[in-house]
Amino acid sequence: MSKSEKDPIGKYLEALIRARPNDAAKLAFLSPEEADKIGRLDLQLLSEIKRGAQGGMEIKLLNKAELIQKLAELRRAQEAETAEGADFYQALDRAAAQLNPPPEEAQDAL
């Protein structure tokens, strides 16, 4: 299993962090006749778009600083989980070694 398959959320957050808002601005200026171009625009960062009655436009984008913070939190949680998993397996190995000592130690115990 590849890293991206193991961490699709992290991969998506990284893509959002690298995304550019250019196409969101293009969307604001598309005329109704150019509606067929919408499918080719990268609108990943677009959070909200409003068109006012008098022609005004409001575009809200995802906050990249928040995305970076969320990615850092995710990575810290993954590292802690990995460390906890390693600790668990080390404890399991120690317990198994105590239950089944190596052959030399088993004969010494007799």
C-alpha atoms as a PDB file:
ATOM      1  CA  MET A   1       0.000   0.000   0.000  1.00  0.00           C
ATOM      2  CA  SER A   2       1.491   3.367  -1.002  1.00  0.00           C
ATOM      3  CA  LYS A   3       1.798   6.337   1.327  1.00  0.00           C
ATOM      4  CA  SER A   4      -0.965   8.198  -0.524  1.00  0.00           C
ATOM      5  CA  GLU A   5      -3.323   5.250  -0.073  1.00  0.00           C
ATOM      6  CA  LYS A   6      -2.530   5.187   3.639  1.00  0.00           C
ATOM      7  CA  ASP A   7      -2.975   8.954   4.033  1.00  0.00           C
ATOM      8  CA  PRO A   8      -5.574  10.298   1.578  1.00  0.00           C
ATOM      9  CA  ILE A   9      -6.487  13.195   3.871  1.00  0.00           C
ATOM     10  CA  GLY A  10      -2.890  14.352   4.156  1.00  0.00           C
ATOM     11  CA  LYS A  11      -2.460  14.050   0.407  1.00  0.00           C
ATOM     12  CA  TYR A  12      -5.605  16.124  -0.174  1.00  0.00           C
ATOM     13  CA  LEU A  13      -4.517  18.800   2.318  1.00  0.00           C
ATOM     14  CA  GLU A  14      -1.121  19.015   0.593  1.00  0.00           C
ATOM     15  CA  ALA A  15      -2.871  19.446  -2.779  1.00  0.00           C
ATOM     16  CA  LEU A  16      -5.040  22.232  -1.358  1.00  0.00           C
ATOM     17  CA  ILE A  17      -1.990  23.975   0.090  1.00  0.00           C
ATOM     18  CA  ARG A  18      -0.304  23.908  -3.340  1.00  0.00           C
ATOM     19  CA  ALA A  19      -3.468  24.934  -5.236  1.00  0.00           C
ATOM     20  CA  ARG A  20      -3.662  28.374  -6.798  1.00  0.00           C
ATOM     21  CA  PRO A  21      -6.705  30.645  -6.601  1.00  0.00           C
ATOM     22  CA  ASN A  22      -6.411  31.937 -10.191  1.00  0.00           C
ATOM     23  CA  ASP A  23      -9.329  29.933 -11.550  1.00  0.00           C
ATOM     24  CA  ALA A  24     -11.633  31.112  -8.771  1.00  0.00           C
ATOM     25  CA  ALA A  25     -10.982  34.671  -9.946  1.00  0.00           C
ATOM     26  CA  LYS A  26     -11.609  33.604 -13.560  1.00  0.00           C
ATOM     27  CA  LEU A  27     -14.938  32.111 -12.510  1.00  0.00           C
ATOM     28  CA  ALA A  28     -16.070  35.487 -11.198  1.00  0.00           C
ATOM     29  CA  PHE A  29     -15.580  37.053 -14.621  1.00  0.00           C
ATOM     30  CA  LEU A  30     -17.019  34.296 -16.819  1.00  0.00           C
ATOM     31  CA  SER A  31     -19.988  35.355 -18.872  1.00  0.00           C
ATOM     32  CA  PRO A  32     -23.026  33.061 -19.129  1.00  0.00           C
ATOM     33  CA  GLU A  33     -21.906  32.193 -22.675  1.00  0.00           C
ATOM     34  CA  GLU A  34     -18.641  30.810 -21.275  1.00  0.00           C
ATOM     35  CA  ALA A  35     -20.333  28.450 -18.801  1.00  0.00           C
ATOM     36  CA  ASP A  36     -18.854  25.427 -20.611  1.00  0.00           C
ATOM     37  CA  LYS A  37     -15.390  26.472 -19.333  1.00  0.00           C
ATOM     38  CA  ILE A  38     -16.351  25.919 -15.677  1.00  0.00           C
ATOM     39  CA  GLY A  39     -15.567  22.198 -15.816  1.00  0.00           C
ATOM     40  CA  ARG A  40     -11.939  22.943 -16.704  1.00  0.00           C
ATOM     41  CA  LEU A  41     -11.351  25.358 -13.823  1.00  0.00           C
ATOM     42  CA  ASP A  42      -9.497  24.333 -10.668  1.00  0.00           C
ATOM     43  CA  LEU A  43     -11.875  25.472  -7.951  1.00  0.00           C
ATOM     44  CA  GLN A  44     -10.469  23.452  -5.035  1.00  0.00           C
ATOM     45  CA  LEU A  45      -9.851  26.555  -2.947  1.00  0.00           C
ATOM     46  CA  LEU A  46     -13.265  28.075  -3.598  1.00  0.00           C
ATOM     47  CA  SER A  47     -15.323  28.095  -0.444  1.00  0.00           C
ATOM     48  CA  GLU A  48     -18.141  30.440  -1.359  1.00  0.00           C
ATOM     49  CA  ILE A  49     -19.168  32.754  -4.167  1.00  0.00           C
ATOM     50  CA  LYS A  50     -21.896  35.391  -4.075  1.00  0.00           C
ATOM     51  CA  ARG A  51     -23.112  37.673  -6.794  1.00  0.00           C
ATOM     52  CA  GLY A  52     -24.958  40.754  -5.594  1.00  0.00           C
ATOM     53  CA  ALA A  53     -28.029  42.263  -7.214  1.00  0.00           C
ATOM     54  CA  GLN A  54     -26.022  45.245  -8.429  1.00  0.00           C
ATOM     55  CA  GLY A  55     -23.312  43.115 -10.049  1.00  0.00           C
ATOM     56  CA  GLY A  56     -20.910  42.950  -7.114  1.00  0.00           C
ATOM     57  CA  MET A  57     -19.060  39.702  -6.515  1.00  0.00           C
ATOM     58  CA  GLU A  58     -17.793  38.141  -3.303  1.00  0.00           C
ATOM     59  CA  ILE A  59     -15.429  35.154  -3.431  1.00  0.00           C
ATOM     60  CA  LYS A  60     -14.299  33.305  -0.328  1.00  0.00           C
ATOM     61  CA  LEU A  61     -11.336  30.960  -0.493  1.00  0.00           C
ATOM     62  CA  LEU A  62     -10.037  28.363   1.930  1.00  0.00           C
ATOM     63  CA  ASN A  63      -7.492  29.738   4.366  1.00  0.00           C
ATOM     64  CA  LYS A  64      -4.109  28.197   3.509  1.00  0.00           C
ATOM     65  CA  ALA A  65      -2.676  29.000   6.946  1.00  0.00           C
ATOM     66  CA  GLU A  66      -5.464  26.924   8.509  1.00  0.00           C
ATOM     67  CA  LEU A  67      -4.834  24.131   6.008  1.00  0.00           C
ATOM     68  CA  ILE A  68      -1.145  24.068   6.937  1.00  0.00           C
ATOM     69  CA  GLN A  69      -2.084  23.978  10.623  1.00  0.00           C
ATOM     70  CA  LYS A  70      -4.500  21.070  10.049  1.00  0.00           C
ATOM     71  CA  LEU A  71      -1.857  19.166   8.088  1.00  0.00           C
ATOM     72  CA  ALA A  72       0.680  19.701  10.886  1.00  0.00           C
ATOM     73  CA  GLU A  73      -1.858  18.434  13.447  1.00  0.00           C
ATOM     74  CA  LEU A  74      -2.563  15.391  11.296  1.00  0.00           C
ATOM     75  CA  ARG A  75       1.151  14.612  10.948  1.00  0.00           C
ATOM     76  CA  ARG A  76       1.713  14.965  14.711  1.00  0.00           C
ATOM     77  CA  ALA A  77      -1.195  12.613  15.406  1.00  0.00           C
ATOM     78  CA  GLN A  78       0.158  10.095  12.889  1.00  0.00           C
ATOM     79  CA  GLU A  79       3.631  10.240  14.439  1.00  0.00           C
ATOM     80  CA  ALA A  80       2.197   9.731  17.934  1.00  0.00           C
ATOM     81  CA  GLU A  81       0.125   6.804  16.681  1.00  0.00           C
ATOM     82  CA  THR A  82       3.186   5.247  15.064  1.00  0.00           C
ATOM     83  CA  ALA A  83       5.223   5.698  18.248  1.00  0.00           C
ATOM     84  CA  GLU A  84       2.429   4.155  20.332  1.00  0.00           C
ATOM     85  CA  GLY A  85       2.242   1.244  17.912  1.00  0.00           C
ATOM     86  CA  ALA A  86       5.984   0.689  18.154  1.00  0.00           C
ATOM     87  CA  ASP A  87       5.798   0.793  21.956  1.00  0.00           C
ATOM     88  CA  PHE A  88       2.995  -1.774  21.883  1.00  0.00           C
ATOM     89  CA  TYR A  89       4.997  -4.186  19.727  1.00  0.00           C
ATOM     90  CA  GLN A  90       8.105  -3.753  21.862  1.00  0.00           C
ATOM     91  CA  ALA A  91       6.077  -4.564  24.983  1.00  0.00           C
ATOM     92  CA  LEU A  92       4.567  -7.556  23.205  1.00  0.00           C
ATOM     93  CA  ASP A  93       8.052  -8.810  22.267  1.00  0.00           C
ATOM     94  CA  ARG A  94       9.265  -8.435  25.878  1.00  0.00           C
ATOM     95  CA  ALA A  95       6.238 -10.338  27.195  1.00  0.00           C
ATOM     96  CA  ALA A  96       6.752 -13.108  24.638  1.00  0.00           C
ATOM     97  CA  ALA A  97      10.433 -13.344  25.590  1.00  0.00           C
ATOM     98  CA  GLN A  98       9.502 -13.722  29.258  1.00  0.00           C
ATOM     99  CA  LEU A  99       6.978 -16.446  28.477  1.00  0.00           C
ATOM    100  CA  ASN A 100       9.303 -18.255  26.075  1.00  0.00           C
ATOM    101  CA  PRO A 101      12.906 -17.686  27.134  1.00  0.00           C
ATOM    102  CA  PRO A 102      15.670 -18.620  24.698  1.00  0.00           C
ATOM    103  CA  PRO A 103      16.779 -22.294  24.981  1.00  0.00           C
ATOM    104  CA  GLU A 104      19.927 -21.494  27.029  1.00  0.00           C
ATOM    105  CA  GLU A 105      17.953 -19.653  29.696  1.00  0.00           C
ATOM    106  CA  ALA A 106      15.282 -22.370  29.796  1.00  0.00           C
ATOM    107  CA  GLN A 107      17.891 -25.030  30.678  1.00  0.00           C
ATOM    108  CA  ASP A 108      19.459 -22.800  33.337  1.00  0.00           C
ATOM    109  CA  ALA A 109      16.068 -22.466  34.980  1.00  0.00           C
ATOM    110  CA  LEU A 110      15.810 -26.275  35.341  1.00  0.00           C
END
